[in-house]
Structures are given as structure tokens and as C-alpha cells.
Protein backbone atom coordinates (compact mmCIF):
# COMPACT_ATOMS: atom_id res chain seq x y z
CA MET A 1 31.57 -66.40 42.25
CA THR A 2 28.27 -67.57 43.73
CA ALA A 3 27.32 -65.94 47.01
CA PRO A 4 26.64 -68.39 49.88
CA THR A 5 23.43 -66.59 50.79
CA HIS A 6 21.49 -66.66 47.51
CA THR A 7 21.50 -67.00 43.74
CA VAL A 8 20.83 -63.90 41.66
CA THR A 9 17.77 -64.44 39.49
CA ASN A 10 14.96 -62.44 37.91
CA GLN A 11 17.20 -59.56 36.83
CA ALA A 12 17.18 -58.24 33.26
CA GLU A 13 20.50 -58.32 31.43
CA PRO A 14 21.93 -54.94 30.36
CA LEU A 15 20.49 -53.61 27.12
CA VAL A 16 23.66 -53.76 25.03
CA GLY A 17 24.90 -55.52 21.91
CA TYR A 18 22.02 -54.49 19.67
CA ASP A 19 21.35 -52.24 16.67
CA VAL A 20 19.77 -49.07 18.07
CA PHE A 21 18.52 -48.07 14.62
CA ALA A 22 17.12 -51.40 13.38
CA ALA A 23 15.45 -52.07 16.74
CA ASP A 24 13.44 -48.83 16.49
CA ARG A 25 10.53 -49.51 14.16
CA ALA A 26 9.18 -45.97 14.30
CA LEU A 27 12.57 -44.65 13.22
CA THR A 28 13.27 -47.19 10.48
CA GLU A 29 9.82 -46.76 8.96
CA GLY A 30 10.08 -42.98 9.17
CA VAL A 31 13.42 -42.89 7.40
CA GLU A 32 12.09 -45.01 4.52
CA ARG A 33 8.95 -42.89 4.34
CA HIS A 34 10.93 -39.70 3.76
CA LEU A 35 13.61 -41.06 1.42
CA PRO A 36 13.35 -42.16 -2.22
CA GLU A 37 13.41 -45.91 -2.65
CA ARG A 38 16.84 -45.89 -4.32
CA LEU A 39 18.34 -44.64 -1.03
CA HIS A 40 16.60 -47.13 1.25
CA ALA A 41 19.27 -49.84 1.17
CA PRO A 42 22.40 -47.65 1.41
CA VAL A 43 20.94 -45.44 4.15
CA ARG A 44 19.72 -48.49 6.06
CA ARG A 45 23.26 -49.85 5.98
CA GLU A 46 24.69 -46.48 7.00
CA LEU A 47 22.35 -46.10 9.96
CA SER A 48 22.55 -49.72 11.05
CA GLU A 49 26.32 -49.46 11.22
CA LEU A 50 25.90 -46.46 13.49
CA GLY A 51 23.13 -48.24 15.39
CA ARG A 52 25.32 -51.26 16.12
CA ALA A 53 28.07 -48.95 17.32
CA ALA A 54 25.61 -47.07 19.56
CA GLY A 55 24.31 -50.29 21.07
CA SER A 56 27.75 -51.78 21.68
CA VAL A 57 29.19 -52.33 25.14
CA GLN A 58 32.08 -50.05 24.21
CA ALA A 59 29.99 -47.04 23.19
CA GLN A 60 27.69 -47.42 26.18
CA GLU A 61 30.74 -47.39 28.42
CA TRP A 62 32.07 -44.29 26.68
CA GLY A 63 28.82 -42.55 27.53
CA VAL A 64 29.10 -43.51 31.19
CA GLN A 65 32.74 -42.44 31.37
CA ALA A 66 32.13 -39.09 29.69
CA ASP A 67 29.34 -38.34 32.14
CA ARG A 68 31.23 -39.48 35.24
CA HIS A 69 34.38 -37.55 34.33
CA PRO A 70 33.15 -34.06 33.41
CA PRO A 71 35.40 -31.55 31.64
CA ARG A 72 37.96 -29.50 33.56
CA LEU A 73 38.89 -25.88 32.96
CA ARG A 74 42.56 -24.94 32.61
CA THR A 75 42.90 -21.18 32.50
CA HIS A 76 46.74 -21.17 32.68
CA ASP A 77 49.61 -23.47 31.89
CA ARG A 78 52.26 -24.47 34.42
CA TYR A 79 54.26 -21.31 33.71
CA GLY A 80 51.37 -18.93 34.23
CA HIS A 81 50.52 -18.29 30.58
CA ARG A 82 46.85 -17.85 29.87
CA ILE A 83 45.62 -20.76 27.72
CA ASP A 84 41.84 -20.97 28.36
CA GLU A 85 41.43 -24.62 27.51
CA VAL A 86 39.04 -27.32 28.62
CA GLU A 87 40.18 -30.89 29.15
CA PHE A 88 37.75 -33.68 28.27
CA HIS A 89 37.87 -37.36 29.14
CA PRO A 90 39.07 -39.54 26.23
CA ALA A 91 35.58 -41.06 26.01
CA TRP A 92 34.19 -37.64 25.04
CA HIS A 93 36.60 -37.41 22.12
CA ARG A 94 35.71 -40.93 20.97
CA LEU A 95 32.00 -40.16 21.04
CA LEU A 96 32.39 -36.83 19.29
CA GLY A 97 34.80 -38.25 16.73
CA LYS A 98 32.38 -41.04 15.85
CA GLY A 99 29.55 -38.53 15.50
CA VAL A 100 31.56 -36.36 13.14
CA ALA A 101 32.69 -39.38 11.12
CA ALA A 102 29.05 -40.50 10.82
CA GLY A 103 28.06 -37.27 9.08
CA LEU A 104 26.22 -35.66 12.00
CA THR A 105 27.57 -32.22 11.06
CA SER A 106 26.85 -32.43 7.34
CA ALA A 107 23.08 -32.26 6.80
CA TRP A 108 23.42 -29.39 4.33
CA THR A 109 25.82 -31.09 1.93
CA ARG A 110 24.39 -34.62 1.51
CA GLU A 111 21.45 -35.80 -0.53
CA HIS A 112 18.44 -35.91 1.80
CA GLY A 113 20.98 -35.00 4.44
CA HIS A 114 18.57 -33.64 7.02
CA VAL A 115 16.56 -36.85 7.37
CA ARG A 116 19.69 -38.97 7.35
CA ARG A 117 21.37 -36.76 9.91
CA ALA A 118 18.28 -36.51 12.14
CA ALA A 119 18.03 -40.30 12.24
CA GLY A 120 21.74 -40.65 12.95
CA PHE A 121 21.60 -37.96 15.63
CA LEU A 122 18.66 -39.73 17.27
CA VAL A 123 20.57 -43.00 17.24
CA TRP A 124 24.04 -41.89 18.29
CA THR A 125 23.11 -39.44 21.06
CA GLN A 126 21.44 -42.28 22.93
CA THR A 127 24.97 -43.12 24.04
CA ASP A 128 25.44 -39.68 25.62
CA ALA A 129 23.51 -36.50 24.98
CA GLY A 130 26.30 -34.09 25.95
CA HIS A 131 28.45 -34.46 22.87
CA GLY A 132 25.36 -33.82 20.75
CA CYS A 133 25.76 -30.11 21.56
CA PRO A 134 28.85 -29.42 19.41
CA LEU A 135 27.48 -31.72 16.70
CA SER A 136 24.28 -29.71 16.68
CA MET A 137 25.84 -26.24 16.67
CA THR A 138 28.39 -27.13 14.02
CA ASN A 139 25.74 -28.45 11.67
CA ALA A 140 23.43 -25.52 12.41
CA ALA A 141 26.06 -22.84 11.77
CA VAL A 142 25.93 -23.35 8.02
CA PRO A 143 22.83 -21.26 7.18
CA ALA A 144 24.19 -18.33 9.19
CA LEU A 145 27.62 -18.49 7.54
CA ARG A 146 26.01 -18.56 4.09
CA ASN A 147 25.12 -14.90 4.64
CA ASP A 148 28.79 -14.26 3.82
CA PRO A 149 29.89 -16.32 0.78
CA ALA A 150 33.60 -15.84 1.51
CA LEU A 151 33.23 -17.13 5.07
CA ALA A 152 31.07 -20.00 3.93
CA ALA A 153 33.63 -21.00 1.30
CA LEU A 154 36.32 -21.28 3.98
CA TRP A 155 34.34 -22.75 6.85
CA GLU A 156 31.57 -24.90 5.40
CA PRO A 157 33.83 -27.67 4.04
CA LYS A 158 35.52 -27.88 7.44
CA LEU A 159 32.21 -28.13 9.28
CA ALA A 160 30.85 -30.79 6.93
CA SER A 161 34.05 -32.84 7.12
CA ASP A 162 34.03 -36.35 8.58
CA VAL A 163 37.35 -35.65 10.31
CA TYR A 164 37.44 -34.65 13.98
CA GLU A 165 40.48 -32.57 14.93
CA PRO A 166 40.24 -31.41 18.56
CA ALA A 167 43.47 -29.38 18.64
CA LEU A 168 43.15 -25.61 18.38
CA ARG A 169 44.94 -24.41 15.24
CA PRO A 170 44.23 -21.95 12.41
CA VAL A 171 41.25 -23.33 10.56
CA ALA A 172 42.92 -23.14 7.15
CA GLY A 173 45.28 -25.93 8.21
CA LYS A 174 42.65 -28.24 9.65
CA ALA A 175 40.77 -31.04 7.94
CA GLY A 176 37.69 -30.50 10.09
CA ALA A 177 36.35 -27.89 12.49
CA LEU A 178 33.59 -27.31 15.02
CA VAL A 179 31.59 -24.12 15.58
CA GLY A 180 29.71 -23.05 18.70
CA MET A 181 27.38 -20.22 19.58
CA GLY A 182 27.27 -17.47 22.22
CA MET A 183 24.19 -15.28 22.39
CA THR A 184 22.97 -14.85 25.98
CA GLU A 185 24.40 -12.48 28.57
CA LYS A 186 23.90 -12.08 32.31
CA GLN A 187 21.47 -9.20 32.10
CA GLY A 188 19.30 -10.40 29.24
CA GLY A 189 19.16 -14.18 28.85
CA SER A 190 16.79 -14.91 25.97
CA ASP A 191 16.28 -11.17 25.45
CA VAL A 192 19.36 -10.88 23.25
CA ARG A 193 18.50 -7.33 22.20
CA ALA A 194 19.52 -6.35 25.74
CA ASN A 195 23.08 -7.53 25.02
CA THR A 196 25.82 -5.08 26.02
CA THR A 197 28.87 -6.67 24.34
CA ARG A 198 30.34 -3.96 22.08
CA ALA A 199 31.81 -4.37 18.60
CA GLU A 200 34.22 -1.67 17.42
CA PRO A 201 35.06 -1.60 13.69
CA LEU A 202 38.68 -2.05 12.59
CA ALA A 203 40.33 -0.62 9.50
CA GLU A 204 39.87 -3.84 7.52
CA ALA A 205 36.33 -4.04 6.16
CA GLY A 206 34.10 -6.45 8.06
CA THR A 207 36.45 -6.89 11.03
CA TYR A 208 35.87 -5.71 14.59
CA THR A 209 37.08 -6.06 18.16
CA LEU A 210 34.66 -7.23 20.81
CA THR A 211 34.47 -6.21 24.46
CA GLY A 212 32.00 -7.91 26.75
CA HIS A 213 30.90 -11.34 27.86
CA LYS A 214 28.67 -14.35 27.24
CA TRP A 215 26.88 -16.08 30.11
CA PHE A 216 26.45 -19.48 28.41
CA CYS A 217 28.97 -20.68 25.85
CA SER A 218 28.76 -24.43 25.30
CA ALA A 219 31.53 -26.57 23.82
CA PRO A 220 34.14 -23.83 24.39
CA MET A 221 36.89 -25.82 22.68
CA SER A 222 35.21 -25.34 19.31
CA ASP A 223 37.24 -23.67 16.59
CA ALA A 224 34.96 -20.65 16.31
CA PHE A 225 31.75 -19.17 17.67
CA LEU A 226 28.87 -17.24 16.22
CA VAL A 227 28.04 -14.47 18.67
CA LEU A 228 25.85 -11.37 18.87
CA ALA A 229 27.24 -7.95 19.81
CA GLN A 230 26.23 -4.30 19.55
CA ALA A 231 27.93 -2.71 16.53
CA PRO A 232 27.46 0.97 15.58
CA GLY A 233 24.52 -0.09 13.41
CA GLY A 234 22.86 -2.22 16.08
CA LEU A 235 22.85 -5.87 17.17
CA THR A 236 25.04 -7.81 14.73
CA CYS A 237 26.24 -11.37 14.20
CA PHE A 238 29.98 -12.13 14.30
CA LEU A 239 32.28 -15.11 13.81
CA VAL A 240 34.90 -15.33 16.57
CA PRO A 241 37.73 -17.83 15.91
CA ARG A 242 39.64 -19.29 18.85
CA VAL A 243 42.92 -19.13 16.88
CA LEU A 244 43.83 -16.35 14.46
CA ASP A 245 45.35 -16.90 11.01
CA ASP A 246 48.87 -16.25 12.31
CA GLY A 247 48.53 -18.97 14.95
CA THR A 248 48.04 -16.69 17.96
CA ARG A 249 45.18 -17.23 20.37
CA ASN A 250 42.27 -14.83 20.07
CA PRO A 251 41.42 -13.29 23.49
CA PHE A 252 38.74 -15.65 24.77
CA ALA A 253 38.88 -15.73 28.58
CA LEU A 254 37.04 -18.68 30.08
CA GLN A 255 35.93 -17.63 33.56
CA ARG A 256 34.41 -20.86 34.81
CA LEU A 257 32.44 -23.92 33.74
CA LYS A 258 28.80 -24.27 34.76
CA ASP A 259 27.96 -26.93 37.35
CA LYS A 260 24.86 -28.26 35.59
CA LEU A 261 22.02 -30.57 36.53
CA GLY A 262 22.68 -32.82 33.53
CA ASN A 263 24.52 -32.77 30.22
CA ARG A 264 27.61 -33.09 32.37
CA SER A 265 29.95 -34.47 29.74
CA ASN A 266 29.62 -31.21 27.82
CA ALA A 267 31.31 -28.01 28.99
CA SER A 268 29.24 -24.84 29.26
CA ALA A 269 31.38 -21.83 30.01
CA GLU A 270 31.23 -18.18 30.95
CA VAL A 271 33.51 -16.26 28.59
CA GLU A 272 34.81 -12.70 28.43
CA PHE A 273 35.96 -10.77 25.36
CA ALA A 274 38.60 -8.05 25.65
CA GLY A 275 39.92 -6.85 22.31
CA THR A 276 38.70 -10.10 20.73
CA TRP A 277 38.96 -10.15 16.94
CA ALA A 278 35.73 -10.91 15.09
CA ARG A 279 34.47 -11.06 11.52
CA ARG A 280 31.03 -9.67 10.79
CA VAL A 281 28.47 -12.10 9.36
CA GLY A 282 25.65 -10.38 7.51
CA GLU A 283 24.78 -6.71 7.81
CA GLU A 284 25.12 -4.52 10.88
CA GLY A 285 21.90 -4.31 12.85
CA ARG A 286 20.54 -7.57 11.44
CA GLY A 287 22.16 -9.96 13.88
CA VAL A 288 19.01 -11.80 14.92
CA ARG A 289 17.88 -12.25 11.32
CA THR A 290 21.36 -13.54 10.40
CA ILE A 291 21.64 -16.06 13.20
CA ILE A 292 18.01 -17.19 13.19
CA GLY A 293 18.76 -19.94 10.67
CA MET A 294 21.21 -21.43 13.14
CA VAL A 295 18.70 -21.07 15.97
CA ALA A 296 15.96 -22.84 13.98
CA ALA A 297 18.28 -25.74 13.12
CA THR A 298 19.37 -26.17 16.75
CA ARG A 299 15.73 -26.05 17.83
CA LEU A 300 15.06 -28.97 15.51
CA ASP A 301 17.91 -30.77 17.24
CA CYS A 302 16.23 -30.04 20.58
CA VAL A 303 13.24 -31.96 19.25
CA THR A 304 15.40 -34.78 17.87
CA GLY A 305 17.57 -34.91 20.99
CA SER A 306 14.50 -35.17 23.21
CA ALA A 307 13.14 -37.90 20.95
CA ALA A 308 16.43 -39.76 21.47
CA VAL A 309 16.21 -39.46 25.27
CA MET A 310 12.58 -40.58 25.19
CA ARG A 311 13.32 -43.54 22.95
CA GLN A 312 16.17 -44.73 25.15
CA ALA A 313 14.02 -44.40 28.27
CA VAL A 314 11.18 -46.38 26.70
CA ALA A 315 13.58 -49.00 25.36
CA GLN A 316 15.04 -49.51 28.83
CA ALA A 317 11.60 -49.73 30.43
CA VAL A 318 10.23 -52.24 27.90
CA HIS A 319 13.42 -54.29 28.05
CA HIS A 320 13.29 -54.48 31.84
CA ALA A 321 9.61 -55.40 31.87
CA SER A 322 10.19 -58.13 29.28
CA TYR A 323 12.52 -60.03 31.62
CA ARG A 324 11.35 -59.11 35.12
CA ARG A 325 8.72 -61.29 36.79
CA ALA A 326 6.46 -60.27 39.65
CA PHE A 327 3.41 -61.90 41.19
CA GLY A 328 3.68 -64.89 38.89
CA ALA A 329 4.03 -63.22 35.49
CA LEU A 330 6.36 -61.09 33.42
CA LEU A 331 5.75 -57.40 34.00
CA VAL A 332 5.25 -56.83 30.29
CA GLU A 333 2.31 -59.26 30.31
CA GLN A 334 0.48 -57.59 33.20
CA PRO A 335 -2.39 -55.33 32.07
CA LEU A 336 -1.56 -52.23 34.09
CA MET A 337 2.14 -52.29 33.22
CA GLN A 338 1.16 -52.89 29.59
CA ASN A 339 -0.92 -49.71 29.75
CA VAL A 340 1.97 -47.68 31.16
CA LEU A 341 4.48 -48.98 28.61
CA ALA A 342 2.06 -48.54 25.71
CA ASP A 343 1.33 -44.95 26.73
CA LEU A 344 5.05 -44.20 26.91
CA ALA A 345 5.61 -45.88 23.54
CA VAL A 346 2.94 -43.74 21.88
CA GLU A 347 4.51 -40.54 23.21
CA SER A 348 7.99 -41.60 22.12
CA GLU A 349 6.87 -42.59 18.64
CA ALA A 350 5.05 -39.26 18.22
CA ALA A 351 8.28 -37.39 19.00
CA THR A 352 10.29 -39.45 16.52
CA MET A 353 7.66 -39.13 13.81
CA LEU A 354 7.48 -35.33 14.16
CA ALA A 355 11.26 -34.86 14.25
CA LEU A 356 11.65 -36.75 10.97
CA ARG A 357 8.78 -34.84 9.36
CA LEU A 358 10.52 -31.55 10.15
CA ALA A 359 13.84 -32.84 8.84
CA ALA A 360 12.13 -33.89 5.61
CA ALA A 361 10.73 -30.35 5.24
CA TYR A 362 14.30 -29.01 5.43
CA ASP A 363 15.35 -31.44 2.71
CA ASP A 364 12.47 -30.34 0.49
CA GLY A 365 13.33 -26.67 0.89
CA GLY A 366 10.31 -25.47 -1.09
CA GLU A 367 8.41 -22.31 -0.21
CA GLN A 368 5.48 -24.24 1.23
CA GLU A 369 7.69 -26.43 3.40
CA LEU A 370 9.75 -23.48 4.66
CA ALA A 371 6.55 -21.67 5.62
CA PHE A 372 5.44 -24.82 7.46
CA LEU A 373 8.77 -25.01 9.30
CA ARG A 374 8.54 -21.44 10.58
CA LEU A 375 5.52 -22.51 12.60
CA ALA A 376 6.12 -26.23 13.11
CA VAL A 377 9.64 -25.95 14.56
CA PRO A 378 8.70 -23.81 17.59
CA ILE A 379 5.51 -25.86 18.04
CA ALA A 380 7.54 -29.09 18.13
CA LYS A 381 10.30 -27.55 20.24
CA TYR A 382 7.72 -26.46 22.81
CA TRP A 383 5.74 -29.69 23.02
CA VAL A 384 8.20 -32.53 22.49
CA THR A 385 10.79 -31.14 24.90
CA LYS A 386 8.06 -30.56 27.51
CA ARG A 387 6.91 -34.17 27.25
CA CYS A 388 10.41 -35.56 27.73
CA THR A 389 10.78 -35.16 31.49
CA PRO A 390 7.48 -36.75 32.61
CA LEU A 391 8.05 -39.60 30.17
CA VAL A 392 11.55 -40.34 31.47
CA ALA A 393 10.37 -40.14 35.09
CA GLU A 394 7.62 -42.68 34.39
CA ALA A 395 9.98 -44.95 32.47
CA LEU A 396 12.41 -44.84 35.39
CA GLU A 397 9.61 -45.92 37.70
CA CYS A 398 8.98 -48.97 35.51
CA LEU A 399 12.36 -50.27 36.71
CA GLY A 400 11.40 -49.70 40.34
CA GLY A 401 14.29 -49.20 42.74
CA ASN A 402 16.72 -50.45 40.08
CA GLY A 403 15.83 -47.40 37.98
CA TYR A 404 16.72 -45.03 40.81
CA VAL A 405 20.27 -46.36 40.92
CA GLU A 406 22.94 -44.66 38.80
CA GLU A 407 24.15 -47.91 37.26
CA SER A 408 20.84 -48.32 35.46
CA GLY A 409 21.49 -45.20 33.40
CA MET A 410 17.98 -43.91 34.09
CA PRO A 411 19.04 -41.12 36.48
CA ARG A 412 21.35 -39.77 33.77
CA LEU A 413 18.44 -39.70 31.33
CA LEU A 414 16.26 -37.97 33.91
CA ARG A 415 18.86 -35.28 34.57
CA GLU A 416 19.20 -34.75 30.83
CA SER A 417 15.47 -34.62 30.13
CA PRO A 418 14.73 -30.91 30.96
CA LEU A 419 17.65 -29.48 28.99
CA ASN A 420 16.18 -29.24 25.51
CA SER A 421 13.13 -27.44 26.86
CA ILE A 422 15.46 -24.68 28.13
CA TRP A 423 18.13 -24.53 25.43
CA GLU A 424 17.42 -22.24 22.45
CA GLY A 425 14.51 -20.56 24.19
CA ALA A 426 12.38 -22.01 26.98
CA GLY A 427 8.68 -22.78 26.73
CA ASN A 428 7.34 -19.22 26.87
CA VAL A 429 9.79 -18.09 24.20
CA GLN A 430 8.64 -20.86 21.86
CA ALA A 431 4.95 -20.22 22.50
CA LEU A 432 5.33 -16.49 21.85
CA ASP A 433 7.35 -17.20 18.70
CA VAL A 434 4.41 -19.25 17.45
CA VAL A 435 2.05 -16.36 18.19
CA ARG A 436 4.29 -13.93 16.31
CA VAL A 437 4.41 -16.19 13.26
CA LEU A 438 0.64 -16.56 13.33
CA GLN A 439 0.20 -12.80 13.45
CA ARG A 440 2.82 -11.86 10.88
CA GLU A 441 3.03 -14.77 8.43
CA PRO A 442 -0.39 -16.07 7.40
CA SER A 443 1.27 -18.33 4.81
CA SER A 444 2.74 -20.39 7.67
CA PHE A 445 -0.67 -20.99 9.22
CA THR A 446 -2.01 -21.91 5.78
CA ALA A 447 0.83 -24.42 5.37
CA TYR A 448 0.08 -25.86 8.81
CA LEU A 449 -3.63 -26.26 8.02
CA GLU A 450 -2.84 -27.92 4.70
CA GLU A 451 -0.51 -30.32 6.50
CA VAL A 452 -3.04 -31.41 9.13
CA GLY A 453 -5.93 -31.30 6.66
CA GLN A 454 -4.53 -34.03 4.42
CA THR A 455 -6.47 -36.62 6.39
CA ARG A 456 -9.80 -34.80 6.51
CA GLY A 457 -12.59 -37.32 6.91
CA VAL A 458 -10.38 -40.26 7.87
CA ASP A 459 -10.72 -39.97 11.65
CA LEU A 460 -13.61 -38.10 13.26
CA ARG A 461 -11.58 -37.31 16.38
CA LEU A 462 -8.88 -35.59 14.35
CA ASP A 463 -11.52 -33.68 12.37
CA ALA A 464 -13.13 -32.52 15.61
CA ALA A 465 -9.77 -31.46 17.04
CA ILE A 466 -9.02 -29.38 13.93
CA ARG A 467 -12.45 -27.70 14.15
CA SER A 468 -11.85 -26.93 17.81
CA LEU A 469 -8.47 -25.45 16.93
CA LEU A 470 -10.03 -23.20 14.29
CA VAL A 471 -12.51 -21.92 16.87
CA GLU A 472 -9.56 -21.02 19.10
CA PHE A 473 -8.04 -19.05 16.25
CA SER A 474 -11.23 -17.23 15.36
CA ASP A 475 -10.26 -14.59 17.93
CA ILE A 476 -6.47 -14.73 17.87
CA GLY A 477 -6.09 -11.29 19.44
CA ALA A 478 -8.10 -11.85 22.63
CA GLY A 479 -5.66 -12.56 25.48
CA VAL A 480 -3.45 -14.39 23.04
CA GLU A 481 -0.24 -14.17 25.10
CA ALA A 482 -1.88 -15.58 28.20
CA ARG A 483 -3.27 -18.53 26.25
CA ALA A 484 -0.27 -19.05 23.98
CA ARG A 485 0.78 -22.30 25.62
CA ARG A 486 -2.73 -23.69 25.30
CA LEU A 487 -2.80 -22.83 21.60
CA VAL A 488 0.62 -24.32 20.90
CA GLU A 489 -0.16 -27.50 22.82
CA ARG A 490 -3.31 -28.04 20.77
CA MET A 491 -1.46 -27.34 17.53
CA ALA A 492 1.21 -29.88 18.46
CA VAL A 493 -1.26 -32.60 19.38
CA VAL A 494 -3.23 -32.07 16.17
CA LEU A 495 -0.07 -32.08 14.05
CA MET A 496 1.10 -35.33 15.62
CA GLY A 497 -2.37 -36.78 15.24
CA SER A 498 -2.36 -36.08 11.53
CA LEU A 499 0.97 -37.92 11.22
CA PHE A 500 -0.38 -40.93 13.13
CA VAL A 501 -3.51 -41.09 10.99
CA ARG A 502 -1.43 -40.99 7.82
CA PHE A 503 1.50 -43.18 8.71
CA ALA A 504 1.18 -45.18 11.95
CA PRO A 505 0.03 -48.81 12.09
CA PRO A 506 -3.57 -49.33 13.27
CA GLU A 507 -2.76 -50.06 16.92
CA MET A 508 -0.66 -46.90 17.25
CA GLU A 509 -3.17 -44.70 15.44
CA ALA A 510 -5.99 -46.01 17.63
CA ALA A 511 -4.04 -45.37 20.83
CA TYR A 512 -3.01 -41.84 19.85
CA CYS A 513 -6.37 -40.72 18.54
CA ALA A 514 -8.35 -42.17 21.44
CA SER A 515 -6.14 -40.60 24.09
CA ARG A 516 -4.57 -37.41 22.74
CA LEU A 517 -7.39 -36.36 20.40
CA GLY A 518 -10.45 -38.14 21.82
CA ARG A 519 -9.49 -37.14 25.38
CA ASP A 520 -10.15 -40.67 26.67
CA TRP A 521 -7.07 -40.34 28.81
CA GLY A 522 -5.96 -39.45 32.32
CA VAL A 523 -3.35 -37.04 33.63
CA SER A 524 -0.55 -39.56 34.15
CA PHE A 525 0.89 -42.16 31.80
CA GLY A 526 -0.81 -45.54 31.92
CA THR A 527 -4.36 -44.28 31.47
CA LEU A 528 -5.09 -45.39 27.92
CA PRO A 529 -8.49 -46.99 27.21
CA HIS A 530 -8.27 -50.64 28.24
CA SER A 531 -9.98 -51.77 25.03
CA LEU A 532 -6.96 -50.89 22.88
CA ASP A 533 -4.47 -53.48 21.65
CA LEU A 534 -1.92 -52.51 24.27
CA ALA A 535 0.21 -55.64 23.82
CA ALA A 536 0.79 -54.79 20.13
CA VAL A 537 1.78 -51.23 20.99
CA VAL A 538 4.33 -52.45 23.55
CA GLU A 539 5.69 -55.13 21.23
CA ARG A 540 6.33 -52.49 18.58
CA ALA A 541 8.47 -50.56 21.07
CA ARG A 542 10.55 -53.59 22.13
CA PRO A 543 14.22 -52.76 21.43
CA VAL A 544 15.28 -56.30 20.62
CA GLY A 545 13.01 -58.64 18.69
């Protein structure tokens, strides 16, 4: 119906009905770069199918519904029996089921599975980031479980399954399962060695009862959780199933759900253990070493998840500017807006490029690549997740007042944007992890230098940045903790710069090297050198050709 007062014009149509994968040139090129040619066509089809689903009206609406109808805690049934269940909106189950069916929990069992999964995760979580949490933890649990071959034999096929079964039942009778993680406690947070949850051995070898609590336990309707507790031999990793083999519920008392800033479709719970049955994973006293493989994999997902949020924010901003006119011209054609959009596009592409490079290192699995990952993962986790929030805020501003309204979807992205910087260790934790690796594992620094040194002599600004970095490291012991963030930031920018010099098209390489390496850049987005081919950079980021 036409309003009698005016006709609605000059408004961009919703960004729906497109292939999220195929419309992302940085992602499509990165996937082909890291896969053998024989896999290009089948993986392109696989990811385009997921991309069309992610860009559909239906999936976008699922994301909105899951966010607007957050999970509800049900501690008891109508008769007063303790059940400790969380109810999710049907849209959550549809999103999670599609993610499982698309192989987003099976990186460890498919050929080149980490790159394929990272690309799929980046595509599908643009619908809603919340359900990415159980997908991430389930996939990441595999390296920890492999410390116990018997446990891995039972659980790994369930975790890698493409079947989503939300009902809580004994895992042996399920076609697919999800696994979560519970490490932090009230008194310690990231300092997990301060945990007080106790593990008392039972008569059966490798089994214990737990007494204590966990302060953050996300996706509490998962089938099992990897947790840390104090055993007689020290801090130890355990697998805690929600349902025991005989069908009874394991004591797992959900106290409340967190009222969070963002990530609202996903439940994060406080849980208490009282006589809770657990199976030891790995040796007593080696809990951190056992679970660290899971932590590293989820940190990679923090990078990939932030890249997804950044890409969606940039896509929305470029789409809006491509259809909105002001002062006689499309916004996308106006020089200052071009500069803002191009700057955002460079940052987003850098995040995508680095996430895929790390995934490819996991697929390679060689000693050199694993050494590189021990340093590169916390570097990327620190920097990419830190860049997410300012990027999303600037992208929101590109939509003006429309971007500040919930219906645009931009406020949901903004609320989501800080999460990955906090989850799995906030910024200081990542920076200090990098320092520890540098001090204890010289092979990792060597691998990093070999990675960034592949382009020596190609770009003088990158060469100068590497030399400057080496000067910083000439006295690694002097005040190193206080300057850890500075060191990690420089390492991240240099690493991304080396990727741009090797793989990015000329307009992207020029923009990155001039601004991030050459320091011809301001504090806010939109301060790239005006002499760059800004229109080409923006066109590359356009979500629909």
C-alpha cells in the first residue's frame, strides 16, 4: 500500500538471495590457493551450496529468530524432578543442524578438512554467530580426546558425523554428538591452575567423581564436556557426559544462564558438579597439556569467526553504499566514502587470508607448520579479534541511522564483535602466550621468520617492517611483558603483509602495504592514501556482482 504522504525511494534492498561464498572473492581465491587443483570444483560446489543457503531469506530469518528468542533454562520438570535442560528456539536447531550436516565439526577426518571447514564456518556463521560455539568446540575436542585411544574410538565418529541429534541420550545409541568445554571458575578465570573443582578416583581405572563448579559453560545441552579438575596428581582433563551409559542423567546442575552482551542465541551457563561421574583424558597432572590442542583449535575459530563478522559487516556497508544516493551521487562513488569502504575491505580481507593460512597449516601437519602454528595462532587470535569491533562500528556508521536500527542487523554484529577477543583467553593472555613461545620454542620463531621472509626483496616496506621487528627482538628480555602487545601487533601486521605481497591482487597489496606497513595511514578507518585505486578495492568487496 502506498502511503498518501510520500513514496519510499533511495533505500537499499535487503542483502539476501545471494551466494555468501561465491560473492567473497578473498575467500574463494584463498580456498583455491590452499587446495590441490583436483579438489577445486567439488569444494567450490560444496561451499557454494552452503553459501546459497547462508544468503537465503530463510537462513537470515533463522538467525534473527535465534537471536531474538534466546534460550531458556528449565531446572525442573512439572513434577519437581531435576532435569537441567535448556530450551532453544527451533531456528537455533535448524542453524546448528545445517552446520553439522555441512561438515563443520569434521575438520580432522576429511581431506584438507581444515581449510574446507574454515571456509564453511566463515560462510555459515554469517547467519548467526551463536551456534558457531558448539560447532567450534565439537570440532576442537578431537585432538584432546586422541590422548585416550579408547575414548577417541567411541566419540570421534559421533563428533565428525553429519547428523545432528539434540536429544540427550547415551552416546553409544546416537548417530551424532556434540562436545563442549568447561575450564574457568569464579576465583580464577583464565588462571585455570587456580581451579578448585576436585576429582576423586573411583575403583574403575580412569574414572572419578567431580565436586565443584564451572563459571562459564557454553552450549550446556551438548552430550559431553571436557573439563579441568584437581586430581590427586594435579590439574587433570576429564570427559563429563551428560547421560551415563545406563541412561541416567549425570549430576550436572545448571544454576543460571548468563545474560550476555551478544551471542544471545547461544546459552552460556554456570554449572555445579556434585558426585558427577567423569572419565580421565590423558595423565593426571597434565590437564593443560591435554586440553591445549582443543584450546588452539577454538582459538583458530575465534579468528575465523571474527573474519566472518567482519566480512558480513563490510558486505552490508558496501551493499548499502552501492544503492544509496546522497548529494547527487551514489555513496559508493564518493571519494571519502570510497576511502572508508576500501579501508574496511582491506582489514576484512586480511582477516580472511590469515584464517585460511592457519587452517592450511593444520592440514599440512608437518613439523615446520606446527611450529609456525604455535606462534601464529595466538598472534592471529590477538590481532584479528581486536580489529573486529572498530571495523564493525565503522561499517555500521556507513549505513547512518539505518545501521543503528535493529532491523538492519548491524547492532547484532556490533554486540557480537568483542566476543572472540575474550573467549579462549583475552588479549593479555594471547600476548603473553606469544612471549612464552618466543622464549621457550625458538623453532617457532624460526618458522615465523621463514614464513614472512618468503617475499624478501619484493616490497621495500615489508622488508623494512621485518628489519624493525628484528630490532625489537634483539632485546627480548627487556620489559618484554609490558611491551608484549606492541610486539604481537607488529608480528601480526608483518605476517598479514607477507600474505598480501604473495597473494593479493595489486590494488589490495598496494593499499595494505602503504597503510599498515608504510604507516601512511591515520587512526580511524577511511584514512588510506588518496592516490590508491580505492574504487577497485571496494569493487572487490562488493557482495553481489
